[in-house]
Amino acid sequence: MPRRKAASPVIPERFPLSAAYCEQLALCIGHEQLPRDCAAELGELLNCHLQSERVLRTQKSKTTAGNVVAAIDKVRSAVQELIALDSGIDADTRRDLKPTADAFLAATEARLNELSGTSRVYPHKELLLMTCPLLQRIFEKHALRGFNTRGNLRRFALLALKAADIATPSVDEEHLDRLDKLLDAELHPG
């Protein structure tokens, strides 16, 4: 008799915002209580962010640009050794492999050149670059006239991020500049 697989744990579709955070968020947008659709949008956005972070933490491969370059160099050396005149392979095999090997070596060289100009990617920051502009849109959609200010937007975003333990920076000018850059980031589809 086949064994049944254990059910996977159910992950909620929304992050549950505490009453205290809902109250503080509501004040930022000029409401006495956080509108239900605003809370739902925030909960879904924060949940998506947290699920993406969870995936990043569980990835087996923590590939860095240095590891990629080292792997490409290793394979490139092996291919060069294989097609070298003194490699010990017969002339027919060398003649058949050489065009493919040369194309491969050219492709690896192009990729190494491309990687050399690439700056380091910080996955947590990349997630914030996707989440913060959406926080700004939620804020703008729900903020009452007179409450749609940069200061309230900053407070709203920081409170939302703190509610889900995504970011807990101390509030000073340096962090506000960083937060502004994240909020003003361009939304990318996908």
N, C-alpha and C. Protein backbone atom coordinates (compact mmCIF):
# COMPACT_ATOMS: atom_id res chain seq x y z
N MET A 1 0.84 -1.17 0.00
CA MET A 1 0.00 0.00 0.00
C MET A 1 0.89 1.24 0.00
N PRO A 2 0.69 2.17 -0.97
CA PRO A 2 1.54 3.36 -1.04
C PRO A 2 1.31 4.27 0.16
N ARG A 3 2.42 4.87 0.61
CA ARG A 3 2.33 5.79 1.73
C ARG A 3 1.94 7.17 1.24
N ARG A 4 1.12 7.83 1.99
CA ARG A 4 0.71 9.19 1.64
C ARG A 4 1.79 10.16 2.08
N LYS A 5 2.03 11.14 1.25
CA LYS A 5 2.98 12.18 1.60
C LYS A 5 2.36 13.08 2.66
N ALA A 6 3.20 13.53 3.56
CA ALA A 6 2.72 14.47 4.57
C ALA A 6 2.40 15.80 3.89
N ALA A 7 1.33 16.41 4.33
CA ALA A 7 0.94 17.71 3.77
C ALA A 7 1.99 18.75 4.13
N SER A 8 2.28 19.61 3.16
CA SER A 8 3.23 20.68 3.43
C SER A 8 2.56 21.72 4.32
N PRO A 9 3.36 22.40 5.14
CA PRO A 9 2.74 23.41 6.02
C PRO A 9 2.11 24.52 5.19
N VAL A 10 0.97 24.95 5.64
CA VAL A 10 0.26 26.00 4.92
C VAL A 10 0.87 27.34 5.30
N ILE A 11 1.27 28.08 4.28
CA ILE A 11 1.84 29.41 4.50
C ILE A 11 0.72 30.42 4.27
N PRO A 12 0.47 31.30 5.23
CA PRO A 12 -0.61 32.26 5.04
C PRO A 12 -0.33 33.18 3.85
N GLU A 13 -1.40 33.65 3.24
CA GLU A 13 -1.25 34.53 2.08
C GLU A 13 -0.95 35.97 2.49
N ARG A 14 -1.22 36.30 3.74
CA ARG A 14 -0.99 37.66 4.23
C ARG A 14 -0.21 37.62 5.52
N PHE A 15 0.67 38.60 5.66
CA PHE A 15 1.38 38.76 6.92
C PHE A 15 0.40 39.39 7.91
N PRO A 16 0.26 38.82 9.09
CA PRO A 16 -0.69 39.37 10.06
C PRO A 16 -0.11 40.59 10.78
N LEU A 17 -0.62 41.75 10.48
CA LEU A 17 -0.18 42.98 11.13
C LEU A 17 -0.80 43.08 12.51
N SER A 18 0.00 43.41 13.50
CA SER A 18 -0.53 43.54 14.86
C SER A 18 -1.41 44.78 14.95
N ALA A 19 -2.27 44.80 15.95
CA ALA A 19 -3.17 45.94 16.15
C ALA A 19 -2.37 47.22 16.39
N ALA A 20 -1.27 47.12 17.11
CA ALA A 20 -0.45 48.31 17.40
C ALA A 20 0.13 48.88 16.12
N TYR A 21 0.65 48.01 15.25
CA TYR A 21 1.20 48.51 13.99
C TYR A 21 0.09 49.06 13.09
N CYS A 22 -1.05 48.41 13.07
CA CYS A 22 -2.17 48.92 12.26
C CYS A 22 -2.56 50.32 12.71
N GLU A 23 -2.58 50.53 14.01
CA GLU A 23 -2.93 51.84 14.55
C GLU A 23 -1.91 52.91 14.13
N GLN A 24 -0.62 52.58 14.23
CA GLN A 24 0.44 53.52 13.85
C GLN A 24 0.44 53.78 12.35
N LEU A 25 0.22 52.75 11.56
CA LEU A 25 0.17 52.91 10.11
C LEU A 25 -1.02 53.78 9.71
N ALA A 26 -2.14 53.58 10.38
CA ALA A 26 -3.34 54.37 10.09
C ALA A 26 -3.08 55.86 10.33
N LEU A 27 -2.38 56.18 11.41
CA LEU A 27 -2.07 57.57 11.70
C LEU A 27 -1.22 58.21 10.61
N CYS A 28 -0.33 57.44 10.01
CA CYS A 28 0.54 57.96 8.94
C CYS A 28 -0.25 58.37 7.70
N ILE A 29 -1.38 57.72 7.49
CA ILE A 29 -2.17 58.02 6.29
C ILE A 29 -3.43 58.81 6.62
N GLY A 30 -3.58 59.24 7.87
CA GLY A 30 -4.67 60.12 8.24
C GLY A 30 -5.97 59.43 8.60
N HIS A 31 -5.94 58.19 8.93
CA HIS A 31 -7.14 57.44 9.31
C HIS A 31 -7.08 57.09 10.79
N GLU A 32 -8.25 56.89 11.39
CA GLU A 32 -8.30 56.43 12.77
C GLU A 32 -7.99 54.94 12.84
N GLN A 33 -8.45 54.21 11.83
CA GLN A 33 -8.16 52.77 11.72
C GLN A 33 -7.61 52.52 10.33
N LEU A 34 -6.74 51.54 10.22
CA LEU A 34 -6.17 51.19 8.93
C LEU A 34 -7.26 50.59 8.06
N PRO A 35 -7.50 51.18 6.88
CA PRO A 35 -8.54 50.62 6.01
C PRO A 35 -8.27 49.15 5.71
N ARG A 36 -9.33 48.37 5.64
CA ARG A 36 -9.23 46.93 5.44
C ARG A 36 -8.43 46.58 4.18
N ASP A 37 -8.71 47.28 3.06
CA ASP A 37 -8.00 46.96 1.83
C ASP A 37 -6.53 47.36 1.92
N CYS A 38 -6.23 48.40 2.67
CA CYS A 38 -4.83 48.81 2.87
C CYS A 38 -4.10 47.73 3.69
N ALA A 39 -4.74 47.26 4.75
CA ALA A 39 -4.14 46.20 5.57
C ALA A 39 -3.93 44.93 4.75
N ALA A 40 -4.90 44.62 3.89
CA ALA A 40 -4.78 43.42 3.05
C ALA A 40 -3.61 43.57 2.06
N GLU A 41 -3.51 44.73 1.42
CA GLU A 41 -2.43 44.97 0.46
C GLU A 41 -1.07 44.90 1.16
N LEU A 42 -0.96 45.54 2.33
CA LEU A 42 0.29 45.49 3.09
C LEU A 42 0.62 44.06 3.50
N GLY A 43 -0.36 43.35 4.01
CA GLY A 43 -0.14 41.97 4.44
C GLY A 43 0.34 41.07 3.31
N GLU A 44 -0.26 41.24 2.13
CA GLU A 44 0.15 40.43 0.96
C GLU A 44 1.56 40.81 0.51
N LEU A 45 1.86 42.10 0.47
CA LEU A 45 3.19 42.55 0.05
C LEU A 45 4.26 42.06 1.02
N LEU A 46 4.03 42.24 2.31
CA LEU A 46 5.00 41.80 3.31
C LEU A 46 5.18 40.29 3.28
N ASN A 47 4.10 39.57 3.06
CA ASN A 47 4.18 38.11 2.96
C ASN A 47 5.03 37.69 1.76
N CYS A 48 4.82 38.34 0.62
CA CYS A 48 5.62 38.04 -0.58
C CYS A 48 7.10 38.29 -0.30
N HIS A 49 7.39 39.41 0.34
CA HIS A 49 8.78 39.75 0.66
C HIS A 49 9.38 38.67 1.57
N LEU A 50 8.66 38.30 2.61
CA LEU A 50 9.17 37.32 3.57
C LEU A 50 9.35 35.95 2.93
N GLN A 51 8.43 35.56 2.06
CA GLN A 51 8.58 34.27 1.36
C GLN A 51 9.80 34.29 0.46
N SER A 52 10.04 35.39 -0.22
CA SER A 52 11.23 35.51 -1.07
C SER A 52 12.50 35.44 -0.23
N GLU A 53 12.50 36.09 0.92
CA GLU A 53 13.66 36.00 1.83
C GLU A 53 13.88 34.57 2.29
N ARG A 54 12.79 33.86 2.59
CA ARG A 54 12.88 32.47 3.03
C ARG A 54 13.52 31.61 1.94
N VAL A 55 13.13 31.85 0.70
CA VAL A 55 13.71 31.11 -0.42
C VAL A 55 15.20 31.40 -0.53
N LEU A 56 15.58 32.65 -0.40
CA LEU A 56 17.00 33.02 -0.47
C LEU A 56 17.81 32.33 0.62
N ARG A 57 17.24 32.25 1.83
CA ARG A 57 17.96 31.63 2.95
C ARG A 57 18.13 30.13 2.75
N THR A 58 17.20 29.49 2.06
CA THR A 58 17.25 28.03 1.92
C THR A 58 17.99 27.58 0.66
N GLN A 59 18.39 28.51 -0.18
CA GLN A 59 19.12 28.11 -1.38
C GLN A 59 20.42 27.44 -0.98
N LYS A 60 20.67 26.30 -1.61
CA LYS A 60 21.88 25.55 -1.31
C LYS A 60 23.12 26.27 -1.84
N SER A 61 22.99 26.88 -2.99
CA SER A 61 24.13 27.52 -3.63
C SER A 61 24.18 28.99 -3.26
N LYS A 62 25.24 29.39 -2.67
CA LYS A 62 25.48 30.80 -2.36
C LYS A 62 26.53 31.31 -3.34
N THR A 63 26.17 31.28 -4.61
CA THR A 63 27.12 31.61 -5.67
C THR A 63 27.52 33.07 -5.62
N THR A 64 28.82 33.28 -5.64
CA THR A 64 29.35 34.62 -5.72
C THR A 64 29.99 34.79 -7.09
N ALA A 65 30.22 36.02 -7.47
CA ALA A 65 30.88 36.27 -8.75
C ALA A 65 32.26 35.60 -8.77
N GLY A 66 32.96 35.62 -7.65
CA GLY A 66 34.27 34.98 -7.56
C GLY A 66 34.20 33.48 -7.80
N ASN A 67 33.16 32.83 -7.25
CA ASN A 67 32.99 31.39 -7.47
C ASN A 67 32.69 31.10 -8.93
N VAL A 68 31.88 31.92 -9.56
CA VAL A 68 31.56 31.73 -10.98
C VAL A 68 32.81 31.89 -11.83
N VAL A 69 33.57 32.92 -11.55
CA VAL A 69 34.81 33.16 -12.31
C VAL A 69 35.77 31.99 -12.12
N ALA A 70 35.91 31.50 -10.89
CA ALA A 70 36.81 30.37 -10.62
C ALA A 70 36.35 29.11 -11.37
N ALA A 71 35.05 28.86 -11.38
CA ALA A 71 34.53 27.69 -12.09
C ALA A 71 34.76 27.81 -13.59
N ILE A 72 34.52 28.98 -14.14
CA ILE A 72 34.75 29.19 -15.58
C ILE A 72 36.23 29.01 -15.90
N ASP A 73 37.11 29.55 -15.06
CA ASP A 73 38.55 29.40 -15.29
C ASP A 73 38.97 27.93 -15.25
N LYS A 74 38.40 27.18 -14.33
CA LYS A 74 38.73 25.76 -14.19
C LYS A 74 38.32 25.00 -15.45
N VAL A 75 37.11 25.22 -15.93
CA VAL A 75 36.63 24.54 -17.13
C VAL A 75 37.42 25.01 -18.35
N ARG A 76 37.70 26.28 -18.42
CA ARG A 76 38.46 26.83 -19.55
C ARG A 76 39.84 26.19 -19.62
N SER A 77 40.50 26.04 -18.48
CA SER A 77 41.82 25.40 -18.44
C SER A 77 41.74 23.95 -18.91
N ALA A 78 40.69 23.25 -18.47
CA ALA A 78 40.53 21.85 -18.88
C ALA A 78 40.31 21.73 -20.39
N VAL A 79 39.52 22.61 -20.96
CA VAL A 79 39.26 22.58 -22.40
C VAL A 79 40.54 22.92 -23.17
N GLN A 80 41.27 23.92 -22.69
CA GLN A 80 42.53 24.28 -23.36
C GLN A 80 43.52 23.13 -23.31
N GLU A 81 43.56 22.44 -22.19
CA GLU A 81 44.45 21.29 -22.04
C GLU A 81 44.03 20.16 -22.99
N LEU A 82 42.74 19.96 -23.12
CA LEU A 82 42.23 18.89 -23.98
C LEU A 82 42.60 19.10 -25.45
N ILE A 83 42.53 20.33 -25.93
CA ILE A 83 42.78 20.56 -27.37
C ILE A 83 44.22 20.96 -27.67
N ALA A 84 45.07 20.98 -26.63
CA ALA A 84 46.48 21.31 -26.86
C ALA A 84 47.11 20.24 -27.75
N LEU A 85 48.09 20.65 -28.55
CA LEU A 85 48.74 19.72 -29.48
C LEU A 85 49.38 18.54 -28.76
N ASP A 86 49.87 18.75 -27.56
CA ASP A 86 50.54 17.67 -26.83
C ASP A 86 49.62 16.99 -25.81
N SER A 87 48.31 17.08 -26.01
CA SER A 87 47.37 16.52 -25.04
C SER A 87 47.29 15.00 -25.09
N GLY A 88 47.72 14.42 -26.18
CA GLY A 88 47.69 12.97 -26.28
C GLY A 88 46.47 12.43 -27.00
N ILE A 89 45.54 13.30 -27.43
CA ILE A 89 44.40 12.79 -28.18
C ILE A 89 44.79 12.69 -29.66
N ASP A 90 44.09 11.83 -30.37
CA ASP A 90 44.43 11.62 -31.78
C ASP A 90 44.01 12.84 -32.61
N ALA A 91 44.59 12.97 -33.78
CA ALA A 91 44.38 14.13 -34.65
C ALA A 91 42.92 14.28 -35.07
N ASP A 92 42.24 13.17 -35.36
CA ASP A 92 40.84 13.26 -35.78
C ASP A 92 39.95 13.80 -34.66
N THR A 93 40.16 13.32 -33.45
CA THR A 93 39.36 13.80 -32.31
C THR A 93 39.65 15.27 -32.05
N ARG A 94 40.93 15.64 -32.11
CA ARG A 94 41.30 17.05 -31.90
C ARG A 94 40.65 17.93 -32.96
N ARG A 95 40.72 17.50 -34.22
CA ARG A 95 40.14 18.28 -35.32
C ARG A 95 38.62 18.43 -35.12
N ASP A 96 37.94 17.38 -34.65
CA ASP A 96 36.49 17.44 -34.43
C ASP A 96 36.14 18.32 -33.22
N LEU A 97 36.96 18.27 -32.18
CA LEU A 97 36.67 19.03 -30.95
C LEU A 97 37.08 20.49 -31.02
N LYS A 98 38.10 20.80 -31.80
CA LYS A 98 38.68 22.15 -31.80
C LYS A 98 37.67 23.25 -32.10
N PRO A 99 36.82 23.16 -33.13
CA PRO A 99 35.87 24.26 -33.39
C PRO A 99 34.91 24.49 -32.22
N THR A 100 34.42 23.41 -31.64
CA THR A 100 33.51 23.54 -30.50
C THR A 100 34.25 24.12 -29.30
N ALA A 101 35.46 23.63 -29.08
CA ALA A 101 36.26 24.12 -27.96
C ALA A 101 36.59 25.59 -28.14
N ASP A 102 36.96 26.00 -29.35
CA ASP A 102 37.27 27.41 -29.61
C ASP A 102 36.04 28.30 -29.38
N ALA A 103 34.88 27.83 -29.80
CA ALA A 103 33.64 28.59 -29.58
C ALA A 103 33.35 28.69 -28.08
N PHE A 104 33.55 27.60 -27.37
CA PHE A 104 33.33 27.59 -25.93
C PHE A 104 34.29 28.56 -25.24
N LEU A 105 35.56 28.52 -25.63
CA LEU A 105 36.55 29.41 -25.02
C LEU A 105 36.22 30.87 -25.30
N ALA A 106 35.74 31.16 -26.50
CA ALA A 106 35.36 32.54 -26.83
C ALA A 106 34.17 32.97 -25.97
N ALA A 107 33.21 32.06 -25.79
CA ALA A 107 32.03 32.38 -24.97
C ALA A 107 32.42 32.60 -23.51
N THR A 108 33.34 31.78 -22.99
CA THR A 108 33.75 31.96 -21.60
C THR A 108 34.50 33.27 -21.43
N GLU A 109 35.32 33.62 -22.40
CA GLU A 109 36.05 34.89 -22.34
C GLU A 109 35.08 36.07 -22.32
N ALA A 110 34.04 35.99 -23.17
CA ALA A 110 33.03 37.05 -23.22
C ALA A 110 32.29 37.15 -21.88
N ARG A 111 31.96 36.00 -21.30
CA ARG A 111 31.25 36.00 -20.02
C ARG A 111 32.13 36.55 -18.90
N LEU A 112 33.40 36.20 -18.90
CA LEU A 112 34.31 36.74 -17.88
C LEU A 112 34.44 38.25 -18.01
N ASN A 113 34.51 38.74 -19.23
CA ASN A 113 34.57 40.19 -19.45
C ASN A 113 33.30 40.86 -18.94
N GLU A 114 32.17 40.22 -19.19
CA GLU A 114 30.88 40.76 -18.73
C GLU A 114 30.82 40.78 -17.20
N LEU A 115 31.27 39.71 -16.57
CA LEU A 115 31.23 39.63 -15.10
C LEU A 115 32.19 40.61 -14.45
N SER A 116 33.29 40.92 -15.11
CA SER A 116 34.27 41.81 -14.50
C SER A 116 33.70 43.22 -14.30
N GLY A 117 32.71 43.61 -15.08
CA GLY A 117 32.11 44.93 -14.92
C GLY A 117 30.87 44.92 -14.06
N THR A 118 30.51 43.78 -13.51
CA THR A 118 29.29 43.65 -12.72
C THR A 118 29.57 43.94 -11.26
N SER A 119 28.74 44.78 -10.68
CA SER A 119 28.91 45.05 -9.25
C SER A 119 28.24 43.93 -8.46
N ARG A 120 28.62 43.83 -7.21
CA ARG A 120 28.08 42.78 -6.35
C ARG A 120 26.58 42.98 -6.13
N VAL A 121 25.85 41.89 -6.09
CA VAL A 121 24.40 41.94 -5.87
C VAL A 121 24.13 41.52 -4.42
N TYR A 122 23.30 42.31 -3.77
CA TYR A 122 22.89 42.01 -2.40
C TYR A 122 21.41 41.61 -2.46
N PRO A 123 21.11 40.31 -2.33
CA PRO A 123 19.73 39.84 -2.49
C PRO A 123 18.72 40.55 -1.58
N HIS A 124 19.12 40.83 -0.33
CA HIS A 124 18.19 41.51 0.58
C HIS A 124 17.83 42.89 0.05
N LYS A 125 18.85 43.59 -0.45
CA LYS A 125 18.60 44.93 -1.01
C LYS A 125 17.74 44.84 -2.27
N GLU A 126 17.98 43.82 -3.08
CA GLU A 126 17.17 43.64 -4.29
C GLU A 126 15.70 43.44 -3.93
N LEU A 127 15.43 42.69 -2.88
CA LEU A 127 14.05 42.50 -2.43
C LEU A 127 13.45 43.83 -1.96
N LEU A 128 14.25 44.62 -1.25
CA LEU A 128 13.76 45.93 -0.80
C LEU A 128 13.49 46.84 -1.99
N LEU A 129 14.29 46.72 -3.05
CA LEU A 129 14.08 47.53 -4.25
C LEU A 129 12.79 47.16 -4.96
N MET A 130 12.28 45.97 -4.71
CA MET A 130 10.98 45.58 -5.27
C MET A 130 9.84 45.92 -4.32
N THR A 131 10.09 45.81 -3.03
CA THR A 131 9.03 46.01 -2.03
C THR A 131 8.74 47.48 -1.76
N CYS A 132 9.78 48.29 -1.61
CA CYS A 132 9.58 49.69 -1.20
C CYS A 132 8.77 50.52 -2.19
N PRO A 133 8.99 50.41 -3.51
CA PRO A 133 8.13 51.18 -4.41
C PRO A 133 6.65 50.77 -4.30
N LEU A 134 6.41 49.51 -3.99
CA LEU A 134 5.03 49.07 -3.80
C LEU A 134 4.46 49.61 -2.49
N LEU A 135 5.30 49.72 -1.48
CA LEU A 135 4.85 50.36 -0.23
C LEU A 135 4.45 51.81 -0.52
N GLN A 136 5.23 52.48 -1.35
CA GLN A 136 4.91 53.87 -1.70
C GLN A 136 3.58 53.93 -2.44
N ARG A 137 3.33 53.01 -3.34
CA ARG A 137 2.05 53.01 -4.06
C ARG A 137 0.87 52.78 -3.12
N ILE A 138 1.04 51.85 -2.19
CA ILE A 138 -0.03 51.59 -1.21
C ILE A 138 -0.27 52.84 -0.38
N PHE A 139 0.80 53.48 0.06
CA PHE A 139 0.68 54.71 0.85
C PHE A 139 -0.08 55.77 0.05
N GLU A 140 0.35 56.02 -1.18
CA GLU A 140 -0.27 57.06 -2.01
C GLU A 140 -1.74 56.76 -2.28
N LYS A 141 -2.08 55.51 -2.42
CA LYS A 141 -3.46 55.12 -2.69
C LYS A 141 -4.38 55.39 -1.48
N HIS A 142 -3.84 55.22 -0.28
CA HIS A 142 -4.70 55.28 0.91
C HIS A 142 -4.52 56.53 1.76
N ALA A 143 -3.49 57.32 1.52
CA ALA A 143 -3.25 58.51 2.34
C ALA A 143 -4.30 59.58 2.03
N LEU A 144 -4.86 60.15 3.06
CA LEU A 144 -5.82 61.24 2.90
C LEU A 144 -5.09 62.52 2.49
N ARG A 145 -5.84 63.43 1.88
CA ARG A 145 -5.27 64.72 1.49
C ARG A 145 -4.66 65.38 2.72
N GLY A 146 -3.48 65.92 2.54
CA GLY A 146 -2.77 66.55 3.64
C GLY A 146 -1.84 65.60 4.38
N PHE A 147 -2.05 64.31 4.22
CA PHE A 147 -1.18 63.32 4.87
C PHE A 147 -0.20 62.71 3.88
N ASN A 148 -0.36 63.03 2.60
CA ASN A 148 0.50 62.48 1.56
C ASN A 148 1.79 63.31 1.50
N THR A 149 2.60 63.20 2.57
CA THR A 149 3.86 63.93 2.67
C THR A 149 5.02 62.94 2.68
N ARG A 150 6.21 63.45 2.38
CA ARG A 150 7.39 62.59 2.37
C ARG A 150 7.66 62.01 3.75
N GLY A 151 7.47 62.81 4.77
CA GLY A 151 7.70 62.34 6.14
C GLY A 151 6.76 61.22 6.53
N ASN A 152 5.48 61.37 6.18
CA ASN A 152 4.52 60.31 6.49
C ASN A 152 4.80 59.05 5.68
N LEU A 153 5.23 59.23 4.42
CA LEU A 153 5.59 58.07 3.59
C LEU A 153 6.75 57.32 4.23
N ARG A 154 7.77 58.05 4.68
CA ARG A 154 8.91 57.40 5.32
C ARG A 154 8.48 56.63 6.56
N ARG A 155 7.66 57.27 7.41
CA ARG A 155 7.19 56.61 8.63
C ARG A 155 6.37 55.37 8.29
N PHE A 156 5.50 55.50 7.30
CA PHE A 156 4.65 54.40 6.86
C PHE A 156 5.52 53.21 6.41
N ALA A 157 6.51 53.50 5.55
CA ALA A 157 7.37 52.43 5.03
C ALA A 157 8.18 51.78 6.14
N LEU A 158 8.79 52.60 7.01
CA LEU A 158 9.58 52.04 8.11
C LEU A 158 8.72 51.20 9.05
N LEU A 159 7.52 51.69 9.36
CA LEU A 159 6.63 50.92 10.23
C LEU A 159 6.24 49.59 9.60
N ALA A 160 5.93 49.61 8.31
CA ALA A 160 5.53 48.37 7.62
C ALA A 160 6.70 47.38 7.62
N LEU A 161 7.90 47.87 7.32
CA LEU A 161 9.07 46.99 7.30
C LEU A 161 9.42 46.47 8.69
N LYS A 162 9.26 47.34 9.70
CA LYS A 162 9.54 46.91 11.07
C LYS A 162 8.49 45.91 11.55
N ALA A 163 7.24 46.07 11.12
CA ALA A 163 6.18 45.17 11.55
C ALA A 163 6.50 43.73 11.19
N ALA A 164 7.16 43.53 10.06
CA ALA A 164 7.49 42.19 9.59
C ALA A 164 8.95 41.82 9.89
N ASP A 165 9.63 42.62 10.71
CA ASP A 165 11.05 42.41 11.03
C ASP A 165 11.91 42.33 9.78
N ILE A 166 11.55 43.12 8.77
CA ILE A 166 12.33 43.15 7.54
C ILE A 166 13.49 44.13 7.68
N ALA A 167 13.24 45.26 8.26
CA ALA A 167 14.29 46.27 8.45
C ALA A 167 14.03 47.01 9.74
N THR A 168 15.05 47.15 10.54
CA THR A 168 14.90 47.88 11.79
C THR A 168 16.05 48.87 11.98
N PRO A 169 16.28 49.74 11.00
CA PRO A 169 17.38 50.70 11.17
C PRO A 169 16.99 51.80 12.16
N SER A 170 17.99 52.33 12.82
CA SER A 170 17.70 53.50 13.64
C SER A 170 17.44 54.66 12.67
N VAL A 171 16.57 55.54 13.02
CA VAL A 171 16.19 56.60 12.11
C VAL A 171 17.16 57.76 12.24
N ASP A 172 17.98 57.94 11.23
CA ASP A 172 18.86 59.10 11.15
C ASP A 172 18.94 59.51 9.68
N GLU A 173 19.62 60.59 9.41
CA GLU A 173 19.64 61.12 8.04
C GLU A 173 20.19 60.12 7.03
N GLU A 174 21.20 59.37 7.42
CA GLU A 174 21.79 58.40 6.49
C GLU A 174 20.77 57.34 6.08
N HIS A 175 20.03 56.83 7.03
CA HIS A 175 19.03 55.81 6.73
C HIS A 175 17.86 56.39 5.95
N LEU A 176 17.51 57.65 6.23
CA LEU A 176 16.42 58.26 5.48
C LEU A 176 16.80 58.42 4.01
N ASP A 177 18.06 58.74 3.74
CA ASP A 177 18.52 58.82 2.35
C ASP A 177 18.42 57.46 1.68
N ARG A 178 18.83 56.41 2.39
CA ARG A 178 18.73 55.05 1.84
C ARG A 178 17.28 54.68 1.59
N LEU A 179 16.44 54.99 2.57
CA LEU A 179 15.02 54.67 2.43
C LEU A 179 14.42 55.42 1.24
N ASP A 180 14.77 56.69 1.07
CA ASP A 180 14.27 57.46 -0.07
C ASP A 180 14.67 56.81 -1.39
N LYS A 181 15.91 56.35 -1.48
CA LYS A 181 16.37 55.69 -2.71
C LYS A 181 15.57 54.41 -2.97
N LEU A 182 15.29 53.67 -1.91
CA LEU A 182 14.50 52.44 -2.07
C LEU A 182 13.06 52.74 -2.48
N LEU A 183 12.48 53.76 -1.85
CA LEU A 183 11.09 54.13 -2.17
C LEU A 183 10.96 54.65 -3.58
N ASP A 184 11.99 55.36 -4.05
CA ASP A 184 11.94 55.97 -5.37
C ASP A 184 12.45 55.04 -6.48
N ALA A 185 12.81 53.82 -6.12
CA ALA A 185 13.32 52.88 -7.13
C ALA A 185 12.24 52.61 -8.17
N GLU A 186 12.70 52.35 -9.37
CA GLU A 186 11.79 52.08 -10.47
C GLU A 186 11.22 50.67 -10.33
N LEU A 187 9.92 50.54 -10.50
CA LEU A 187 9.29 49.23 -10.46
C LEU A 187 9.62 48.46 -11.72
N HIS A 188 10.07 47.23 -11.55
CA HIS A 188 10.36 46.39 -12.71
C HIS A 188 9.31 45.28 -12.79
N PRO A 189 8.77 45.02 -13.97
CA PRO A 189 7.78 43.96 -14.10
C PRO A 189 8.41 42.60 -13.83
N GLY A 190 7.61 41.71 -13.29
CA GLY A 190 8.07 40.33 -13.10
C GLY A 190 8.50 40.13 -11.74
